[in-house]
PDB file of N, CA and C in Angstrom:
ATOM      1  N   MET A   1      87.058-123.802 -10.202  1.00  0.00           N
ATOM      2  CA  MET A   1      88.223-124.661 -10.227  1.00  0.00           C
ATOM      3  C   MET A   1      89.509-123.850  -9.992  1.00  0.00           C
ATOM      4  N   ARG A   2      89.593-122.687 -10.648  1.00  0.00           N
ATOM      5  CA  ARG A   2      90.777-121.847 -10.456  1.00  0.00           C
ATOM      6  C   ARG A   2      90.881-121.363  -9.021  1.00  0.00           C
ATOM      7  N   GLY A   3      89.776-121.114  -8.403  1.00  0.00           N
ATOM      8  CA  GLY A   3      89.759-120.663  -7.012  1.00  0.00           C
ATOM      9  C   GLY A   3      90.316-121.733  -6.076  1.00  0.00           C
ATOM     10  N   ILE A   4      89.967-122.984  -6.356  1.00  0.00           N
ATOM     11  CA  ILE A   4      90.453-124.096  -5.529  1.00  0.00           C
ATOM     12  C   ILE A   4      91.967-124.252  -5.706  1.00  0.00           C
ATOM     13  N   LEU A   5      92.441-124.164  -6.958  1.00  0.00           N
ATOM     14  CA  LEU A   5      93.883-124.270  -7.214  1.00  0.00           C
ATOM     15  C   LEU A   5      94.649-123.120  -6.564  1.00  0.00           C
ATOM     16  N   ALA A   6      94.099-121.928  -6.632  1.00  0.00           N
ATOM     17  CA  ALA A   6      94.746-120.770  -6.006  1.00  0.00           C
ATOM     18  C   ALA A   6      94.794-120.959  -4.494  1.00  0.00           C
ATOM     19  N   PHE A   7      93.712-121.477  -3.920  1.00  0.00           N
ATOM     20  CA  PHE A   7      93.671-121.721  -2.483  1.00  0.00           C
ATOM     21  C   PHE A   7      94.716-122.773  -2.080  1.00  0.00           C
ATOM     22  N   ILE A   8      94.835-123.826  -2.872  1.00  0.00           N
ATOM     23  CA  ILE A   8      95.817-124.884  -2.589  1.00  0.00           C
ATOM     24  C   ILE A   8      97.231-124.321  -2.692  1.00  0.00           C
ATOM     25  N   LYS A   9      97.480-123.509  -3.719  1.00  0.00           N
ATOM     26  CA  LYS A   9      98.801-122.889  -3.873  1.00  0.00           C
ATOM     27  C   LYS A   9      99.129-121.997  -2.677  1.00  0.00           C
ATOM     28  N   ILE A  10      98.168-121.203  -2.252  1.00  0.00           N
ATOM     29  CA  ILE A  10      98.381-120.312  -1.108  1.00  0.00           C
ATOM     30  C   ILE A  10      98.633-121.129   0.159  1.00  0.00           C
ATOM     31  N   ALA A  11      97.864-122.193   0.339  1.00  0.00           N
ATOM     32  CA  ALA A  11      98.041-123.046   1.521  1.00  0.00           C
ATOM     33  C   ALA A  11      99.432-123.691   1.516  1.00  0.00           C
ATOM     34  N   LEU A  12      99.881-124.144   0.352  1.00  0.00           N
ATOM     35  CA  LEU A  12     101.222-124.730   0.253  1.00  0.00           C
ATOM     36  C   LEU A  12     102.301-123.689   0.546  1.00  0.00           C
ATOM     37  N   LEU A  13     102.126-122.497   0.024  1.00  0.00           N
ATOM     38  CA  LEU A  13     103.100-121.436   0.268  1.00  0.00           C
ATOM     39  C   LEU A  13     103.144-121.050   1.749  1.00  0.00           C
ATOM     40  N   VAL A  14     101.990-120.993   2.381  1.00  0.00           N
ATOM     41  CA  VAL A  14     101.944-120.676   3.808  1.00  0.00           C
ATOM     42  C   VAL A  14     102.659-121.760   4.607  1.00  0.00           C
ATOM     43  N   ASN A  15     102.402-123.030   4.265  1.00  0.00           N
ATOM     44  CA  ASN A  15     103.086-124.127   4.956  1.00  0.00           C
ATOM     45  C   ASN A  15     104.592-124.061   4.734  1.00  0.00           C
ATOM     46  N   LEU A  16     105.003-123.754   3.509  1.00  0.00           N
ATOM     47  CA  LEU A  16     106.425-123.625   3.206  1.00  0.00           C
ATOM     48  C   LEU A  16     107.039-122.471   3.999  1.00  0.00           C
ATOM     49  N   LEU A  17     106.330-121.376   4.103  1.00  0.00           N
ATOM     50  CA  LEU A  17     106.801-120.222   4.864  1.00  0.00           C
ATOM     51  C   LEU A  17     106.953-120.566   6.348  1.00  0.00           C
ATOM     52  N   ILE A  18     105.979-121.260   6.898  1.00  0.00           N
ATOM     53  CA  ILE A  18     106.059-121.669   8.312  1.00  0.00           C
ATOM     54  C   ILE A  18     107.225-122.627   8.526  1.00  0.00           C
ATOM     55  N   PHE A  19     107.393-123.594   7.622  1.00  0.00           N
ATOM     56  CA  PHE A  19     108.496-124.546   7.722  1.00  0.00           C
ATOM     57  C   PHE A  19     109.839-123.819   7.669  1.00  0.00           C
ATOM     58  N   THR A  20     109.958-122.881   6.739  1.00  0.00           N
ATOM     59  CA  THR A  20     111.200-122.125   6.582  1.00  0.00           C
ATOM     60  C   THR A  20     111.472-121.280   7.825  1.00  0.00           C
ATOM     61  N   LYS A  21     110.416-120.660   8.361  1.00  0.00           N
ATOM     62  CA  LYS A  21     110.576-119.845   9.569  1.00  0.00           C
ATOM     63  C   LYS A  21     111.079-120.704  10.732  1.00  0.00           C
ATOM     64  N   ASN A  22     110.529-121.888  10.903  1.00  0.00           N
ATOM     65  CA  ASN A  22     110.952-122.786  11.976  1.00  0.00           C
ATOM     66  C   ASN A  22     112.381-123.284  11.761  1.00  0.00           C
ATOM     67  N   ALA A  23     112.733-123.557  10.518  1.00  0.00           N
ATOM     68  CA  ALA A  23     114.092-124.010  10.215  1.00  0.00           C
ATOM     69  C   ALA A  23     115.097-122.904  10.528  1.00  0.00           C
ATOM     70  N   VAL A  24     114.775-121.672  10.178  1.00  0.00           N
ATOM     71  CA  VAL A  24     115.664-120.542  10.465  1.00  0.00           C
ATOM     72  C   VAL A  24     115.793-120.344  11.967  1.00  0.00           C
ATOM     73  N   LYS A  25     114.685-120.474  12.707  1.00  0.00           N
ATOM     74  CA  LYS A  25     114.729-120.342  14.160  1.00  0.00           C
ATOM     75  C   LYS A  25     115.629-121.417  14.760  1.00  0.00           C
ATOM     76  N   ASP A  26     115.493-122.654  14.305  1.00  0.00           N
ATOM     77  CA  ASP A  26     116.349-123.736  14.811  1.00  0.00           C
ATOM     78  C   ASP A  26     117.816-123.469  14.511  1.00  0.00           C
ATOM     79  N   LEU A  27     118.111-122.988  13.312  1.00  0.00           N
ATOM     80  CA  LEU A  27     119.499-122.677  12.948  1.00  0.00           C
ATOM     81  C   LEU A  27     120.048-121.525  13.776  1.00  0.00           C
ATOM     82  N   ASN A  28     119.224-120.535  14.056  1.00  0.00           N
ATOM     83  CA  ASN A  28     119.659-119.423  14.904  1.00  0.00           C
ATOM     84  C   ASN A  28     119.938-119.894  16.331  1.00  0.00           C
ATOM     85  N   ASP A  29     119.101-120.804  16.838  1.00  0.00           N
ATOM     86  CA  ASP A  29     119.352-121.368  18.170  1.00  0.00           C
ATOM     87  C   ASP A  29     120.661-122.134  18.185  1.00  0.00           C
ATOM     88  N   THR A  30     120.907-122.929  17.151  1.00  0.00           N
ATOM     89  CA  THR A  30     122.149-123.687  17.051  1.00  0.00           C
ATOM     90  C   THR A  30     123.344-122.737  16.982  1.00  0.00           C
ATOM     91  N   LEU A  31     123.242-121.705  16.187  1.00  0.00           N
ATOM     92  CA  LEU A  31     124.317-120.714  16.074  1.00  0.00           C
ATOM     93  C   LEU A  31     124.576-120.037  17.412  1.00  0.00           C
ATOM     94  N   SER A  32     123.526-119.707  18.129  1.00  0.00           N
ATOM     95  CA  SER A  32     123.676-119.084  19.444  1.00  0.00           C
ATOM     96  C   SER A  32     124.404-120.020  20.406  1.00  0.00           C
ATOM     97  N   ASN A  33     124.052-121.297  20.383  1.00  0.00           N
ATOM     98  CA  ASN A  33     124.726-122.278  21.244  1.00  0.00           C
ATOM     99  C   ASN A  33     126.197-122.412  20.877  1.00  0.00           C
ATOM    100  N   ILE A  34     126.486-122.435  19.605  1.00  0.00           N
ATOM    101  CA  ILE A  34     127.876-122.552  19.146  1.00  0.00           C
ATOM    102  C   ILE A  34     128.678-121.320  19.570  1.00  0.00           C
ATOM    103  N   ASN A  35     128.103-120.141  19.407  1.00  0.00           N
ATOM    104  CA  ASN A  35     128.796-118.912  19.808  1.00  0.00           C
ATOM    105  C   ASN A  35     129.045-118.886  21.311  1.00  0.00           C
ATOM    106  N   SER A  36     128.085-119.373  22.076  1.00  0.00           N
ATOM    107  CA  SER A  36     128.259-119.447  23.529  1.00  0.00           C
ATOM    108  C   SER A  36     129.396-120.395  23.883  1.00  0.00           C
ATOM    109  N   THR A  37     129.458-121.536  23.218  1.00  0.00           N
ATOM    110  CA  THR A  37     130.525-122.502  23.456  1.00  0.00           C
ATOM    111  C   THR A  37     131.875-121.914  23.080  1.00  0.00           C
ATOM    112  N   ILE A  38     131.939-121.191  21.987  1.00  0.00           N
ATOM    113  CA  ILE A  38     133.187-120.552  21.558  1.00  0.00           C
ATOM    114  C   ILE A  38     133.659-119.565  22.618  1.00  0.00           C
ATOM    115  N   GLU A  39     132.759-118.763  23.164  1.00  0.00           N
ATOM    116  CA  GLU A  39     133.131-117.796  24.202  1.00  0.00           C
ATOM    117  C   GLU A  39     133.653-118.504  25.445  1.00  0.00           C
ATOM    118  N   LYS A  40     133.005-119.598  25.835  1.00  0.00           N
ATOM    119  CA  LYS A  40     133.473-120.357  27.001  1.00  0.00           C
ATOM    120  C   LYS A  40     134.872-120.910  26.753  1.00  0.00           C
ATOM    121  N   GLU A  41     135.109-121.430  25.559  1.00  0.00           N
ATOM    122  CA  GLU A  41     136.424-121.981  25.230  1.00  0.00           C
ATOM    123  C   GLU A  41     137.490-120.887  25.175  1.00  0.00           C
ATOM    124  N   LYS A  42     137.130-119.702  24.693  1.00  0.00           N
ATOM    125  CA  LYS A  42     138.080-118.574  24.686  1.00  0.00           C
ATOM    126  C   LYS A  42     138.462-118.205  26.117  1.00  0.00           C
ATOM    127  N   ASN A  43     137.468-118.180  27.015  1.00  0.00           N
ATOM    128  CA  ASN A  43     137.747-117.858  28.411  1.00  0.00           C
ATOM    129  C   ASN A  43     138.642-118.922  29.047  1.00  0.00           C
ATOM    130  N   LYS A  44     138.396-120.196  28.729  1.00  0.00           N
ATOM    131  CA  LYS A  44     139.253-121.270  29.238  1.00  0.00           C
ATOM    132  C   LYS A  44     140.680-121.098  28.726  1.00  0.00           C
ATOM    133  N   LEU A  45     140.818-120.745  27.463  1.00  0.00           N
ATOM    134  CA  LEU A  45     142.135-120.560  26.870  1.00  0.00           C
ATOM    135  C   LEU A  45     142.897-119.421  27.555  1.00  0.00           C
ATOM    136  N   ILE A  46     142.220-118.339  27.833  1.00  0.00           N
ATOM    137  CA  ILE A  46     142.843-117.214  28.531  1.00  0.00           C
ATOM    138  C   ILE A  46     143.323-117.664  29.910  1.00  0.00           C
ATOM    139  N   SER A  47     142.468-118.402  30.609  1.00  0.00           N
ATOM    140  CA  SER A  47     142.821-118.891  31.936  1.00  0.00           C
ATOM    141  C   SER A  47     144.005-119.855  31.877  1.00  0.00           C
ATOM    142  N   LEU A  48     143.993-120.767  30.915  1.00  0.00           N
ATOM    143  CA  LEU A  48     145.086-121.733  30.788  1.00  0.00           C
ATOM    144  C   LEU A  48     146.398-121.056  30.404  1.00  0.00           C
ATOM    145  N   ASN A  49     146.344-120.036  29.559  1.00  0.00           N
ATOM    146  CA  ASN A  49     147.563-119.301  29.209  1.00  0.00           C
ATOM    147  C   ASN A  49     148.136-118.574  30.420  1.00  0.00           C
ATOM    148  N   ALA A  50     147.259-118.008  31.252  1.00  0.00           N
ATOM    149  CA  ALA A  50     147.734-117.340  32.467  1.00  0.00           C
ATOM    150  C   ALA A  50     148.362-118.363  33.415  1.00  0.00           C
ATOM    151  N   GLU A  51     147.735-119.523  33.539  1.00  0.00           N
ATOM    152  CA  GLU A  51     148.280-120.571  34.408  1.00  0.00           C
ATOM    153  C   GLU A  51     149.626-121.072  33.885  1.00  0.00           C
ATOM    154  N   LEU A  52     149.729-121.252  32.575  1.00  0.00           N
ATOM    155  CA  LEU A  52     150.995-121.693  31.981  1.00  0.00           C
ATOM    156  C   LEU A  52     152.089-120.662  32.218  1.00  0.00           C
ATOM    157  N   SER A  53     151.740-119.406  32.088  1.00  0.00           N
ATOM    158  CA  SER A  53     152.712-118.337  32.320  1.00  0.00           C
ATOM    159  C   SER A  53     153.228-118.390  33.756  1.00  0.00           C
ATOM    160  N   TYR A  54     152.339-118.612  34.708  1.00  0.00           N
ATOM    161  CA  TYR A  54     152.748-118.699  36.111  1.00  0.00           C
ATOM    162  C   TYR A  54     153.600-119.947  36.355  1.00  0.00           C
ATOM    163  N   LEU A  55     153.146-121.086  35.841  1.00  0.00           N
ATOM    164  CA  LEU A  55     153.837-122.345  36.113  1.00  0.00           C
ATOM    165  C   LEU A  55     155.217-122.424  35.464  1.00  0.00           C
ATOM    166  N   SER A  56     155.423-121.700  34.378  1.00  0.00           N
ATOM    167  CA  SER A  56     156.696-121.815  33.669  1.00  0.00           C
ATOM    168  C   SER A  56     157.685-120.690  33.997  1.00  0.00           C
ATOM    169  N   LYS A  57     157.420-119.935  35.044  1.00  0.00           N
ATOM    170  CA  LYS A  57     158.378-118.890  35.450  1.00  0.00           C
ATOM    171  C   LYS A  57     159.685-119.548  35.884  1.00  0.00           C
ATOM    172  N   PRO A  58     160.801-119.092  35.344  1.00  0.00           N
ATOM    173  CA  PRO A  58     162.092-119.703  35.681  1.00  0.00           C
ATOM    174  C   PRO A  58     162.389-119.699  37.183  1.00  0.00           C
ATOM    175  N   GLY A  59     162.067-118.622  37.870  1.00  0.00           N
ATOM    176  CA  GLY A  59     162.326-118.555  39.311  1.00  0.00           C
ATOM    177  C   GLY A  59     161.545-119.613  40.081  1.00  0.00           C
ATOM    178  N   ARG A  60     160.314-119.809  39.699  1.00  0.00           N
ATOM    179  CA  ARG A  60     159.473-120.823  40.346  1.00  0.00           C
ATOM    180  C   ARG A  60     160.028-122.216  40.095  1.00  0.00           C
ATOM    181  N   ILE A  61     160.436-122.476  38.868  1.00  0.00           N
ATOM    182  CA  ILE A  61     160.988-123.786  38.527  1.00  0.00           C
ATOM    183  C   ILE A  61     162.282-124.030  39.290  1.00  0.00           C
ATOM    184  N   GLU A  62     163.093-122.991  39.442  1.00  0.00           N
ATOM    185  CA  GLU A  62     164.350-123.134  40.179  1.00  0.00           C
ATOM    186  C   GLU A  62     164.080-123.490  41.640  1.00  0.00           C
ATOM    187  N   VAL A  63     163.132-122.804  42.264  1.00  0.00           N
ATOM    188  CA  VAL A  63     162.798-123.091  43.662  1.00  0.00           C
ATOM    189  C   VAL A  63     162.298-124.525  43.810  1.00  0.00           C
ATOM    190  N   LEU A  64     161.430-124.947  42.901  1.00  0.00           N
ATOM    191  CA  LEU A  64     160.893-126.307  42.979  1.00  0.00           C
ATOM    192  C   LEU A  64     161.957-127.363  42.718  1.00  0.00           C
ATOM    193  N   SER A  65     162.878-127.073  41.798  1.00  0.00           N
ATOM    194  CA  SER A  65     163.934-128.043  41.511  1.00  0.00           C
ATOM    195  C   SER A  65     164.867-128.208  42.708  1.00  0.00           C
ATOM    196  N   LYS A  66     165.131-127.132  43.423  1.00  0.00           N
ATOM    197  CA  LYS A  66     165.965-127.228  44.625  1.00  0.00           C
ATOM    198  C   LYS A  66     165.217-127.959  45.740  1.00  0.00           C
ATOM    199  N   LYS A  67     163.938-127.676  45.867  1.00  0.00           N
ATOM    200  CA  LYS A  67     163.150-128.246  46.962  1.00  0.00           C
ATOM    201  C   LYS A  67     162.898-129.743  46.763  1.00  0.00           C
ATOM    202  N   TYR A  68     162.478-130.138  45.575  1.00  0.00           N
ATOM    203  CA  TYR A  68     162.049-131.518  45.364  1.00  0.00           C
ATOM    204  C   TYR A  68     163.104-132.415  44.705  1.00  0.00           C
ATOM    205  N   LEU A  69     164.003-131.818  43.942  1.00  0.00           N
ATOM    206  CA  LEU A  69     164.988-132.622  43.221  1.00  0.00           C
ATOM    207  C   LEU A  69     166.403-132.468  43.778  1.00  0.00           C
ATOM    208  N   ASN A  70     166.539-131.612  44.763  1.00  0.00           N
ATOM    209  CA  ASN A  70     167.852-131.332  45.351  1.00  0.00           C
ATOM    210  C   ASN A  70     168.869-130.908  44.300  1.00  0.00           C
ATOM    211  N   LEU A  71     168.409-130.176  43.304  1.00  0.00           N
ATOM    212  CA  LEU A  71     169.315-129.687  42.265  1.00  0.00           C
ATOM    213  C   LEU A  71     169.954-128.384  42.719  1.00  0.00           C
ATOM    214  N   VAL A  72     171.245-128.289  42.504  1.00  0.00           N
ATOM    215  CA  VAL A  72     171.983-127.065  42.824  1.00  0.00           C
ATOM    216  C   VAL A  72     172.912-126.767  41.658  1.00  0.00           C
ATOM    217  N   TYR A  73     173.423-125.545  41.631  1.00  0.00           N
ATOM    218  CA  TYR A  73     174.369-125.193  40.578  1.00  0.00           C
ATOM    219  C   TYR A  73     175.665-125.978  40.789  1.00  0.00           C
ATOM    220  N   PRO A  74     176.343-126.377  39.722  1.00  0.00           N
ATOM    221  CA  PRO A  74     177.598-127.121  39.890  1.00  0.00           C
ATOM    222  C   PRO A  74     178.694-126.212  40.468  1.00  0.00           C
ATOM    223  N   THR A  75     179.576-126.829  41.222  1.00  0.00           N
ATOM    224  CA  THR A  75     180.711-126.078  41.771  1.00  0.00           C
ATOM    225  C   THR A  75     181.833-126.070  40.739  1.00  0.00           C
ATOM    226  N   VAL A  76     182.850-125.271  41.009  1.00  0.00           N
ATOM    227  CA  VAL A  76     183.979-125.166  40.083  1.00  0.00           C
ATOM    228  C   VAL A  76     184.678-126.520  39.953  1.00  0.00           C
ATOM    229  N   ASP A  77     184.737-127.276  41.032  1.00  0.00           N
ATOM    230  CA  ASP A  77     185.392-128.588  41.008  1.00  0.00           C
ATOM    231  C   ASP A  77     184.653-129.584  40.107  1.00  0.00           C
ATOM    232  N   GLN A  78     183.402-129.374  39.901  1.00  0.00           N
ATOM    233  CA  GLN A  78     182.602-130.306  39.118  1.00  0.00           C
ATOM    234  C   GLN A  78     182.655-130.001  37.613  1.00  0.00           C
ATOM    235  N   ILE A  79     183.289-128.940  37.228  1.00  0.00           N
ATOM    236  CA  ILE A  79     183.317-128.518  35.836  1.00  0.00           C
ATOM    237  C   ILE A  79     184.663-128.880  35.218  1.00  0.00           C
ATOM    238  N   ASP A  80     184.637-129.592  34.123  1.00  0.00           N
ATOM    239  CA  ASP A  80     185.840-129.928  33.352  1.00  0.00           C
ATOM    240  C   ASP A  80     185.792-129.214  32.021  1.00  0.00           C
ATOM    241  N   VAL A  81     186.964-128.839  31.522  1.00  0.00           N
ATOM    242  CA  VAL A  81     187.055-128.210  30.222  1.00  0.00           C
ATOM    243  C   VAL A  81     187.491-129.293  29.247  1.00  0.00           C
ATOM    244  N   LEU A  82     186.782-129.435  28.182  1.00  0.00           N
ATOM    245  CA  LEU A  82     187.125-130.432  27.165  1.00  0.00           C
ATOM    246  C   LEU A  82     187.902-129.762  26.046  1.00  0.00           C
ATOM    247  N   ASN A  83     189.042-130.303  25.722  1.00  0.00           N
ATOM    248  CA  ASN A  83     189.839-129.797  24.603  1.00  0.00           C
ATOM    249  C   ASN A  83     189.606-130.682  23.382  1.00  0.00           C
ATOM    250  N   GLN A  84     189.595-130.065  22.257  1.00  0.00           N
ATOM    251  CA  GLN A  84     189.360-130.859  21.034  1.00  0.00           C
ATOM    252  C   GLN A  84     190.638-131.251  20.386  1.00  0.00           C
TER     253      GLN A  84
END
């Protein structure tokens, strides 16, 4: 009788060990996927920051404002001094 109980205990422990091993493997796969996604997002962020830096250059904005909006610096005649 003790032999049967010991065998059942060992079988349960082996099943628990296999279940735990599979659960850890699944969690490691999930962690690997998350880390991969984080790296991709970091690379996107670097690219977007470089693009923002280029797009927000004052010289570039000035050229575009003159080209598309016909904006120019005001002349002396267009400037009034306000007295308080």
